[in-house]
Amino acid sequence: MKKLIALVLALVCVLGLVGCGKTENIIFPFSASDVETVESYYDDGGSEIQKKTTTDEAAIDYLYTYFSELPLKNKQSSDEGNTLKFVFTLADGTTYELTYVGVAVKTGRLQSETAGFDYFTSSDVVGVWNGLSGEIELTPKE
């Protein structure tokens, strides 16, 4: 009887741990072909914000796929750090915003007021921004 109870308790613990690791994904309410431009803003705590504008279809498809497949978790963490904002401008003139707040190296919070979510991720979103082609425009903080 003790072995049965121990087995049941072990099974409950394993199932509980598996449930805690559940990941979410972003489901965009548009397709990549609907996106005309992606403006991205990087605030690394300096006196200026860096901006890149992406119109290249391949880069837009890459960003769309990257964020769609990005593993996200409902997990508490700090909301302080470097900030990256991606603004997807659609053909109909509407926008969809994603904001990434870096908590540590390759970890942070991905938030969207447009879609109403706030998730934790352990992905290198800053590295994705660094890999985007295009001129960097510097704008002063307001």
N, C-alpha and C. Protein backbone atom coordinates (compact mmCIF):
# COMPACT_ATOMS: atom_id res chain seq x y z
N MET A 1 0.83 -1.19 0.00
CA MET A 1 0.00 0.00 0.00
C MET A 1 0.87 1.26 0.00
N LYS A 2 1.96 1.23 0.77
CA LYS A 2 2.85 2.39 0.82
C LYS A 2 3.49 2.65 -0.54
N LYS A 3 3.82 1.56 -1.27
CA LYS A 3 4.41 1.72 -2.59
C LYS A 3 3.41 2.35 -3.56
N LEU A 4 2.16 1.99 -3.45
CA LEU A 4 1.12 2.55 -4.30
C LEU A 4 0.94 4.04 -4.04
N ILE A 5 0.94 4.42 -2.77
CA ILE A 5 0.80 5.83 -2.41
C ILE A 5 2.01 6.61 -2.91
N ALA A 6 3.21 6.05 -2.75
CA ALA A 6 4.42 6.71 -3.21
C ALA A 6 4.40 6.87 -4.74
N LEU A 7 3.92 5.85 -5.43
CA LEU A 7 3.83 5.92 -6.88
C LEU A 7 2.84 7.00 -7.33
N VAL A 8 1.69 7.06 -6.68
CA VAL A 8 0.68 8.07 -7.02
C VAL A 8 1.21 9.47 -6.73
N LEU A 9 1.88 9.66 -5.59
CA LEU A 9 2.45 10.97 -5.27
C LEU A 9 3.54 11.37 -6.27
N ALA A 10 4.36 10.43 -6.68
CA ALA A 10 5.41 10.72 -7.66
C ALA A 10 4.78 11.10 -9.00
N LEU A 11 3.74 10.40 -9.39
CA LEU A 11 3.04 10.71 -10.63
C LEU A 11 2.42 12.10 -10.58
N VAL A 12 1.81 12.46 -9.47
CA VAL A 12 1.22 13.79 -9.31
C VAL A 12 2.30 14.87 -9.39
N CYS A 13 3.44 14.65 -8.78
CA CYS A 13 4.54 15.62 -8.83
C CYS A 13 5.05 15.80 -10.25
N VAL A 14 5.25 14.71 -10.97
CA VAL A 14 5.74 14.79 -12.35
C VAL A 14 4.73 15.53 -13.23
N LEU A 15 3.47 15.20 -13.11
CA LEU A 15 2.45 15.88 -13.90
C LEU A 15 2.35 17.36 -13.53
N GLY A 16 2.52 17.67 -12.26
CA GLY A 16 2.50 19.07 -11.83
C GLY A 16 3.66 19.85 -12.40
N LEU A 17 4.85 19.25 -12.45
CA LEU A 17 6.02 19.92 -13.02
C LEU A 17 5.88 20.11 -14.52
N VAL A 18 5.31 19.14 -15.19
CA VAL A 18 5.09 19.26 -16.63
C VAL A 18 4.12 20.39 -16.92
N GLY A 19 3.09 20.53 -16.12
CA GLY A 19 2.11 21.60 -16.30
C GLY A 19 2.70 22.97 -16.05
N CYS A 20 3.67 23.08 -15.16
CA CYS A 20 4.30 24.38 -14.86
C CYS A 20 5.15 24.87 -16.02
N GLY A 21 5.65 23.97 -16.83
CA GLY A 21 6.51 24.35 -17.93
C GLY A 21 5.75 24.67 -19.21
N LYS A 22 4.45 24.80 -19.15
CA LYS A 22 3.63 25.04 -20.33
C LYS A 22 4.01 26.38 -20.96
N THR A 23 4.19 26.37 -22.27
CA THR A 23 4.54 27.59 -22.97
C THR A 23 3.36 28.09 -23.80
N GLU A 24 3.38 29.37 -24.06
CA GLU A 24 2.38 30.03 -24.89
C GLU A 24 3.07 30.51 -26.16
N ASN A 25 2.28 30.87 -27.14
CA ASN A 25 2.79 31.47 -28.37
C ASN A 25 1.89 32.62 -28.77
N ILE A 26 2.46 33.56 -29.51
CA ILE A 26 1.67 34.67 -30.03
C ILE A 26 0.91 34.21 -31.26
N ILE A 27 -0.36 34.52 -31.31
CA ILE A 27 -1.15 34.28 -32.50
C ILE A 27 -1.54 35.66 -33.03
N PHE A 28 -0.89 36.06 -34.11
CA PHE A 28 -1.16 37.37 -34.69
C PHE A 28 -2.53 37.39 -35.36
N PRO A 29 -3.25 38.51 -35.27
CA PRO A 29 -4.55 38.62 -35.94
C PRO A 29 -4.41 39.08 -37.40
N PHE A 30 -3.25 38.85 -37.98
CA PHE A 30 -2.96 39.23 -39.36
C PHE A 30 -1.90 38.28 -39.89
N SER A 31 -1.67 38.30 -41.18
CA SER A 31 -0.61 37.47 -41.76
C SER A 31 0.59 38.34 -42.08
N ALA A 32 1.71 37.69 -42.33
CA ALA A 32 2.94 38.44 -42.63
C ALA A 32 2.79 39.26 -43.90
N SER A 33 1.99 38.79 -44.84
CA SER A 33 1.80 39.52 -46.10
C SER A 33 1.00 40.81 -45.90
N ASP A 34 0.30 40.94 -44.77
CA ASP A 34 -0.45 42.16 -44.47
C ASP A 34 0.44 43.29 -43.95
N VAL A 35 1.67 42.97 -43.57
CA VAL A 35 2.57 43.95 -42.95
C VAL A 35 3.33 44.71 -44.04
N GLU A 36 3.25 46.04 -43.97
CA GLU A 36 4.00 46.87 -44.92
C GLU A 36 5.36 47.28 -44.37
N THR A 37 5.39 47.68 -43.09
CA THR A 37 6.66 48.06 -42.47
C THR A 37 6.68 47.60 -41.01
N VAL A 38 7.88 47.46 -40.51
CA VAL A 38 8.08 47.22 -39.08
C VAL A 38 9.08 48.27 -38.61
N GLU A 39 8.62 49.11 -37.69
CA GLU A 39 9.52 50.08 -37.07
C GLU A 39 9.92 49.50 -35.73
N SER A 40 11.20 49.53 -35.44
CA SER A 40 11.68 49.00 -34.16
C SER A 40 12.50 50.07 -33.46
N TYR A 41 12.28 50.19 -32.17
CA TYR A 41 12.92 51.20 -31.34
C TYR A 41 13.66 50.51 -30.21
N TYR A 42 14.93 50.86 -30.02
CA TYR A 42 15.74 50.24 -28.97
C TYR A 42 16.21 51.32 -28.00
N ASP A 43 15.80 51.18 -26.75
CA ASP A 43 16.21 52.10 -25.69
C ASP A 43 17.11 51.32 -24.74
N ASP A 44 18.41 51.57 -24.83
CA ASP A 44 19.37 50.84 -24.00
C ASP A 44 19.77 51.63 -22.75
N GLY A 45 18.98 52.65 -22.42
CA GLY A 45 19.26 53.43 -21.22
C GLY A 45 20.10 54.66 -21.48
N GLY A 46 20.54 54.85 -22.73
CA GLY A 46 21.35 56.02 -23.07
C GLY A 46 20.46 57.25 -23.25
N SER A 47 21.05 58.28 -23.80
CA SER A 47 20.30 59.53 -23.96
C SER A 47 19.47 59.55 -25.24
N GLU A 48 19.70 58.58 -26.14
CA GLU A 48 18.96 58.52 -27.39
C GLU A 48 18.36 57.14 -27.61
N ILE A 49 17.29 57.12 -28.40
CA ILE A 49 16.64 55.88 -28.78
C ILE A 49 17.05 55.56 -30.21
N GLN A 50 17.39 54.29 -30.47
CA GLN A 50 17.78 53.87 -31.80
C GLN A 50 16.55 53.32 -32.53
N LYS A 51 16.39 53.71 -33.78
CA LYS A 51 15.23 53.29 -34.57
C LYS A 51 15.69 52.67 -35.88
N LYS A 52 15.04 51.54 -36.24
CA LYS A 52 15.25 50.91 -37.54
C LYS A 52 13.88 50.74 -38.18
N THR A 53 13.80 50.98 -39.48
CA THR A 53 12.57 50.75 -40.23
C THR A 53 12.83 49.64 -41.24
N THR A 54 11.99 48.61 -41.20
CA THR A 54 12.16 47.45 -42.06
C THR A 54 10.99 47.37 -43.04
N THR A 55 11.31 47.34 -44.34
CA THR A 55 10.29 47.18 -45.38
C THR A 55 10.55 45.93 -46.22
N ASP A 56 11.70 45.30 -46.02
CA ASP A 56 12.07 44.11 -46.77
C ASP A 56 11.14 42.95 -46.40
N GLU A 57 10.51 42.33 -47.42
CA GLU A 57 9.55 41.25 -47.17
C GLU A 57 10.17 40.08 -46.42
N ALA A 58 11.40 39.71 -46.77
CA ALA A 58 12.07 38.58 -46.11
C ALA A 58 12.29 38.88 -44.62
N ALA A 59 12.71 40.10 -44.31
CA ALA A 59 12.92 40.48 -42.91
C ALA A 59 11.60 40.52 -42.14
N ILE A 60 10.54 41.00 -42.78
CA ILE A 60 9.22 41.03 -42.14
C ILE A 60 8.73 39.62 -41.89
N ASP A 61 8.89 38.73 -42.89
CA ASP A 61 8.51 37.32 -42.71
C ASP A 61 9.29 36.69 -41.56
N TYR A 62 10.60 37.00 -41.48
CA TYR A 62 11.43 36.46 -40.41
C TYR A 62 10.92 36.92 -39.04
N LEU A 63 10.66 38.22 -38.89
CA LEU A 63 10.15 38.73 -37.62
C LEU A 63 8.81 38.11 -37.26
N TYR A 64 7.92 38.02 -38.23
CA TYR A 64 6.60 37.42 -38.01
C TYR A 64 6.73 35.98 -37.51
N THR A 65 7.56 35.20 -38.20
CA THR A 65 7.77 33.80 -37.81
C THR A 65 8.47 33.70 -36.46
N TYR A 66 9.49 34.53 -36.24
CA TYR A 66 10.22 34.51 -34.97
C TYR A 66 9.29 34.74 -33.80
N PHE A 67 8.49 35.79 -33.87
CA PHE A 67 7.58 36.09 -32.75
C PHE A 67 6.45 35.06 -32.64
N SER A 68 6.00 34.49 -33.75
CA SER A 68 4.94 33.47 -33.71
C SER A 68 5.41 32.19 -33.03
N GLU A 69 6.69 31.87 -33.20
CA GLU A 69 7.23 30.62 -32.66
C GLU A 69 7.98 30.80 -31.34
N LEU A 70 8.09 32.03 -30.86
CA LEU A 70 8.82 32.33 -29.64
C LEU A 70 8.13 31.69 -28.43
N PRO A 71 8.85 30.84 -27.67
CA PRO A 71 8.23 30.23 -26.49
C PRO A 71 8.08 31.26 -25.36
N LEU A 72 6.88 31.39 -24.88
CA LEU A 72 6.56 32.36 -23.83
C LEU A 72 5.96 31.64 -22.64
N LYS A 73 6.18 32.18 -21.44
CA LYS A 73 5.66 31.57 -20.22
C LYS A 73 4.95 32.62 -19.37
N ASN A 74 3.97 32.17 -18.63
CA ASN A 74 3.33 33.01 -17.62
C ASN A 74 4.19 32.91 -16.38
N LYS A 75 5.12 33.82 -16.20
CA LYS A 75 6.07 33.76 -15.11
C LYS A 75 6.36 35.18 -14.64
N GLN A 76 6.49 35.36 -13.37
CA GLN A 76 6.79 36.68 -12.81
C GLN A 76 8.27 37.00 -12.99
N SER A 77 8.54 38.26 -13.29
CA SER A 77 9.91 38.74 -13.36
C SER A 77 9.87 40.26 -13.27
N SER A 78 11.03 40.84 -13.21
CA SER A 78 11.15 42.29 -13.16
C SER A 78 10.67 42.91 -14.47
N ASP A 79 10.24 44.14 -14.42
CA ASP A 79 9.84 44.87 -15.61
C ASP A 79 10.79 46.03 -15.89
N GLU A 80 12.03 45.90 -15.46
CA GLU A 80 13.00 46.97 -15.63
C GLU A 80 14.16 46.48 -16.48
N GLY A 81 14.57 47.30 -17.42
CA GLY A 81 15.71 46.95 -18.25
C GLY A 81 15.64 47.66 -19.59
N ASN A 82 16.51 47.24 -20.51
CA ASN A 82 16.51 47.80 -21.86
C ASN A 82 15.18 47.48 -22.52
N THR A 83 14.70 48.41 -23.35
CA THR A 83 13.38 48.23 -23.97
C THR A 83 13.50 48.23 -25.48
N LEU A 84 12.81 47.29 -26.10
CA LEU A 84 12.70 47.20 -27.55
C LEU A 84 11.23 47.23 -27.90
N LYS A 85 10.86 48.05 -28.85
CA LYS A 85 9.46 48.10 -29.28
C LYS A 85 9.42 47.84 -30.78
N PHE A 86 8.54 46.91 -31.18
CA PHE A 86 8.32 46.59 -32.59
C PHE A 86 6.91 47.03 -32.94
N VAL A 87 6.79 47.88 -33.96
CA VAL A 87 5.48 48.36 -34.41
C VAL A 87 5.25 47.84 -35.83
N PHE A 88 4.33 46.89 -35.96
CA PHE A 88 3.97 46.33 -37.26
C PHE A 88 2.88 47.23 -37.85
N THR A 89 3.16 47.85 -38.99
CA THR A 89 2.17 48.68 -39.67
C THR A 89 1.57 47.86 -40.81
N LEU A 90 0.26 47.68 -40.77
CA LEU A 90 -0.43 46.84 -41.74
C LEU A 90 -0.89 47.66 -42.94
N ALA A 91 -1.25 46.97 -44.01
CA ALA A 91 -1.67 47.63 -45.25
C ALA A 91 -2.90 48.51 -45.05
N ASP A 92 -3.76 48.15 -44.09
CA ASP A 92 -4.97 48.95 -43.86
C ASP A 92 -4.71 50.15 -42.94
N GLY A 93 -3.46 50.38 -42.57
CA GLY A 93 -3.10 51.53 -41.74
C GLY A 93 -3.10 51.27 -40.24
N THR A 94 -3.58 50.12 -39.80
CA THR A 94 -3.57 49.81 -38.37
C THR A 94 -2.18 49.35 -37.95
N THR A 95 -1.93 49.40 -36.65
CA THR A 95 -0.64 48.98 -36.11
C THR A 95 -0.84 47.92 -35.04
N TYR A 96 0.19 47.12 -34.86
CA TYR A 96 0.24 46.09 -33.83
C TYR A 96 1.59 46.23 -33.15
N GLU A 97 1.58 46.45 -31.83
CA GLU A 97 2.83 46.72 -31.11
C GLU A 97 3.23 45.57 -30.19
N LEU A 98 4.52 45.27 -30.18
CA LEU A 98 5.14 44.34 -29.25
C LEU A 98 6.24 45.08 -28.52
N THR A 99 6.29 44.96 -27.20
CA THR A 99 7.34 45.59 -26.42
C THR A 99 8.09 44.51 -25.64
N TYR A 100 9.41 44.53 -25.77
CA TYR A 100 10.27 43.59 -25.05
C TYR A 100 11.06 44.37 -24.02
N VAL A 101 11.00 43.94 -22.77
CA VAL A 101 11.78 44.56 -21.70
C VAL A 101 12.80 43.55 -21.24
N GLY A 102 14.08 43.82 -21.49
CA GLY A 102 15.15 42.90 -21.11
C GLY A 102 15.34 42.87 -19.61
N VAL A 103 15.30 41.68 -19.04
CA VAL A 103 15.50 41.51 -17.60
C VAL A 103 16.96 41.16 -17.32
N ALA A 104 17.51 40.29 -18.14
CA ALA A 104 18.91 39.87 -18.04
C ALA A 104 19.36 39.50 -19.46
N VAL A 105 20.55 38.95 -19.60
CA VAL A 105 21.03 38.56 -20.91
C VAL A 105 20.11 37.46 -21.47
N LYS A 106 19.53 37.71 -22.62
CA LYS A 106 18.67 36.76 -23.33
C LYS A 106 17.42 36.37 -22.56
N THR A 107 16.95 37.18 -21.64
CA THR A 107 15.68 36.93 -20.96
C THR A 107 14.96 38.26 -20.77
N GLY A 108 13.65 38.17 -20.82
CA GLY A 108 12.88 39.39 -20.62
C GLY A 108 11.39 39.15 -20.72
N ARG A 109 10.65 40.25 -20.75
CA ARG A 109 9.20 40.20 -20.84
C ARG A 109 8.77 40.70 -22.20
N LEU A 110 7.86 39.97 -22.83
CA LEU A 110 7.28 40.40 -24.10
C LEU A 110 5.84 40.79 -23.82
N GLN A 111 5.51 42.04 -24.13
CA GLN A 111 4.20 42.58 -23.79
C GLN A 111 3.55 43.17 -25.03
N SER A 112 2.22 43.19 -25.02
CA SER A 112 1.48 43.85 -26.08
C SER A 112 0.21 44.44 -25.50
N GLU A 113 0.13 45.77 -25.54
CA GLU A 113 -1.11 46.42 -25.13
C GLU A 113 -2.18 46.16 -26.18
N THR A 114 -1.77 46.04 -27.44
CA THR A 114 -2.71 45.79 -28.54
C THR A 114 -3.45 44.47 -28.31
N ALA A 115 -2.70 43.41 -27.96
CA ALA A 115 -3.29 42.09 -27.77
C ALA A 115 -3.60 41.77 -26.31
N GLY A 116 -3.11 42.60 -25.40
CA GLY A 116 -3.39 42.41 -23.98
C GLY A 116 -2.67 41.23 -23.34
N PHE A 117 -1.38 41.05 -23.64
CA PHE A 117 -0.64 39.98 -22.96
C PHE A 117 0.67 40.50 -22.41
N ASP A 118 1.23 39.72 -21.48
CA ASP A 118 2.50 40.03 -20.83
C ASP A 118 3.12 38.70 -20.44
N TYR A 119 4.15 38.25 -21.18
CA TYR A 119 4.77 36.96 -20.98
C TYR A 119 6.27 37.10 -20.75
N PHE A 120 6.86 36.06 -20.15
CA PHE A 120 8.29 35.95 -19.94
C PHE A 120 8.87 35.10 -21.06
N THR A 121 10.06 35.44 -21.53
CA THR A 121 10.73 34.63 -22.54
C THR A 121 12.22 34.56 -22.26
N SER A 122 12.84 33.44 -22.62
CA SER A 122 14.29 33.31 -22.52
C SER A 122 14.91 33.28 -23.91
N SER A 123 14.54 34.20 -24.73
CA SER A 123 15.07 34.28 -26.09
C SER A 123 15.82 35.59 -26.28
N ASP A 124 16.69 35.58 -27.26
CA ASP A 124 17.55 36.73 -27.52
C ASP A 124 16.88 37.71 -28.49
N VAL A 125 15.90 38.45 -28.01
CA VAL A 125 15.18 39.41 -28.85
C VAL A 125 16.09 40.57 -29.23
N VAL A 126 16.99 40.97 -28.34
CA VAL A 126 17.93 42.05 -28.67
C VAL A 126 18.85 41.60 -29.82
N GLY A 127 19.24 40.35 -29.81
CA GLY A 127 20.06 39.82 -30.90
C GLY A 127 19.33 39.86 -32.23
N VAL A 128 18.03 39.62 -32.21
CA VAL A 128 17.23 39.71 -33.43
C VAL A 128 17.24 41.15 -33.94
N TRP A 129 17.06 42.10 -33.03
CA TRP A 129 17.08 43.51 -33.43
C TRP A 129 18.45 43.88 -34.01
N ASN A 130 19.51 43.42 -33.37
CA ASN A 130 20.87 43.71 -33.87
C ASN A 130 21.07 43.14 -35.27
N GLY A 131 20.42 42.02 -35.57
CA GLY A 131 20.57 41.37 -36.87
C GLY A 131 19.73 41.99 -37.98
N LEU A 132 18.80 42.88 -37.63
CA LEU A 132 17.97 43.52 -38.65
C LEU A 132 18.83 44.47 -39.49
N SER A 133 18.60 44.42 -40.78
CA SER A 133 19.33 45.35 -41.65
C SER A 133 18.65 46.71 -41.60
N GLY A 134 19.35 47.70 -42.08
CA GLY A 134 18.77 49.04 -42.13
C GLY A 134 19.60 50.03 -41.35
N GLU A 135 19.40 51.26 -41.72
CA GLU A 135 20.08 52.37 -41.07
C GLU A 135 19.50 52.59 -39.67
N ILE A 136 20.36 52.92 -38.75
CA ILE A 136 19.90 53.27 -37.40
C ILE A 136 19.75 54.78 -37.33
N GLU A 137 18.54 55.20 -36.96
CA GLU A 137 18.28 56.60 -36.74
C GLU A 137 18.30 56.85 -35.24
N LEU A 138 18.94 57.91 -34.81
CA LEU A 138 18.99 58.24 -33.40
C LEU A 138 17.99 59.37 -33.13
N THR A 139 17.15 59.18 -32.10
CA THR A 139 16.20 60.20 -31.72
C THR A 139 16.35 60.44 -30.23
N PRO A 140 16.27 61.70 -29.81
CA PRO A 140 16.39 61.98 -28.37
C PRO A 140 15.18 61.45 -27.62
N LYS A 141 15.39 61.10 -26.37
CA LYS A 141 14.29 60.65 -25.52
C LYS A 141 13.40 61.84 -25.22
N GLU A 142 12.11 61.57 -25.14
CA GLU A 142 11.17 62.65 -24.82
C GLU A 142 10.68 62.52 -23.41
